[in-house]
Amino acid sequence: MSVLRTGDITDDMIQAMETAKRQGLQKDLRALAAHIRANAQGRHDGAKPGWRAGVEWTLLWIENTAAQLPEGQP
């Protein structure tokens, strides 16, 4: 079994890990938005007027949050 020592983890490795985490979060957020959109379409046509606006706002917020996670930034 190898033991990690100080200096074994490079800045490039840390950056790659952070990029992978951001990409995973982007993917999860976009999947959540797609799931919400699919479940909301046509389901609550008789709902109160603000309901649809609330769903659209939520979807926009999720998409904007995902878009603010660009690759290559720590």
Protein backbone atom coordinates (compact mmCIF):
# COMPACT_ATOMS: atom_id res chain seq x y z
CA MET A 1 0.00 0.00 0.00
CA SER A 2 1.40 3.38 -0.94
CA VAL A 3 1.24 6.34 1.37
CA LEU A 4 0.58 9.86 0.14
CA ARG A 5 3.21 12.32 1.21
CA THR A 6 3.30 16.09 1.10
CA GLY A 7 3.88 17.09 -2.49
CA ASP A 8 2.36 13.91 -3.98
CA ILE A 9 -0.81 15.77 -4.86
CA THR A 10 0.01 18.39 -7.45
CA ASP A 11 -1.85 21.59 -8.26
CA ASP A 12 -2.91 19.99 -11.55
CA MET A 13 -4.46 17.09 -9.65
CA ILE A 14 -6.34 19.45 -7.37
CA GLN A 15 -7.57 21.49 -10.34
CA ALA A 16 -8.72 18.31 -12.11
CA MET A 17 -10.63 17.24 -8.99
CA GLU A 18 -12.31 20.64 -8.69
CA THR A 19 -13.25 20.61 -12.38
CA ALA A 20 -14.75 17.13 -12.02
CA LYS A 21 -16.80 18.26 -9.03
CA ARG A 22 -18.13 21.30 -10.92
CA GLN A 23 -18.98 19.20 -13.96
CA GLY A 24 -20.80 16.70 -11.76
CA LEU A 25 -22.75 19.46 -10.06
CA GLN A 26 -23.63 21.03 -13.43
CA LYS A 27 -24.89 17.68 -14.67
CA ASP A 28 -26.94 17.09 -11.51
CA LEU A 29 -28.49 20.56 -11.61
CA ARG A 30 -29.44 20.21 -15.26
CA ALA A 31 -30.93 16.77 -14.60
CA LEU A 32 -32.95 18.25 -11.73
CA ALA A 33 -34.25 21.03 -13.99
CA ALA A 34 -35.22 18.53 -16.68
CA HIS A 35 -37.02 16.38 -14.11
CA ILE A 36 -38.94 19.36 -12.72
CA ARG A 37 -39.83 20.54 -16.22
CA ALA A 38 -41.07 17.10 -17.28
CA ASN A 39 -43.17 16.68 -14.15
CA ALA A 40 -44.63 20.18 -14.31
CA GLN A 41 -45.71 20.21 -17.96
CA GLY A 42 -49.47 19.94 -18.23
CA ARG A 43 -49.92 18.64 -14.71
CA HIS A 44 -51.33 21.66 -12.99
CA ASP A 45 -53.21 23.60 -15.64
CA GLY A 46 -55.85 24.46 -13.06
CA ALA A 47 -53.34 25.63 -10.46
CA LYS A 48 -53.20 29.15 -9.15
CA PRO A 49 -51.67 31.69 -11.59
CA GLY A 50 -48.41 32.09 -9.66
CA TRP A 51 -47.65 28.38 -9.70
CA ARG A 52 -46.40 28.27 -13.30
CA ALA A 53 -44.36 31.45 -12.79
CA GLY A 54 -42.80 29.89 -9.69
CA VAL A 55 -41.81 26.78 -11.60
CA GLU A 56 -40.32 28.84 -14.42
CA TRP A 57 -38.39 30.99 -11.94
CA THR A 58 -37.04 27.88 -10.23
CA LEU A 59 -35.95 26.38 -13.55
CA LEU A 60 -34.24 29.61 -14.55
CA TRP A 61 -32.45 29.79 -11.19
CA ILE A 62 -31.21 26.20 -11.52
CA GLU A 63 -29.99 26.74 -15.08
CA ASN A 64 -28.24 30.01 -14.15
CA THR A 65 -26.57 28.36 -11.18
CA ALA A 66 -25.32 25.53 -13.39
CA ALA A 67 -24.05 28.01 -15.97
CA GLN A 68 -22.04 29.85 -13.32
CA LEU A 69 -19.90 26.78 -12.72
CA PRO A 70 -17.47 27.20 -15.63
CA GLU A 71 -14.69 24.75 -16.24
CA GLY A 72 -11.14 25.65 -15.35
CA GLN A 73 -11.80 28.02 -12.47
CA PRO A 74 -10.85 27.00 -8.94
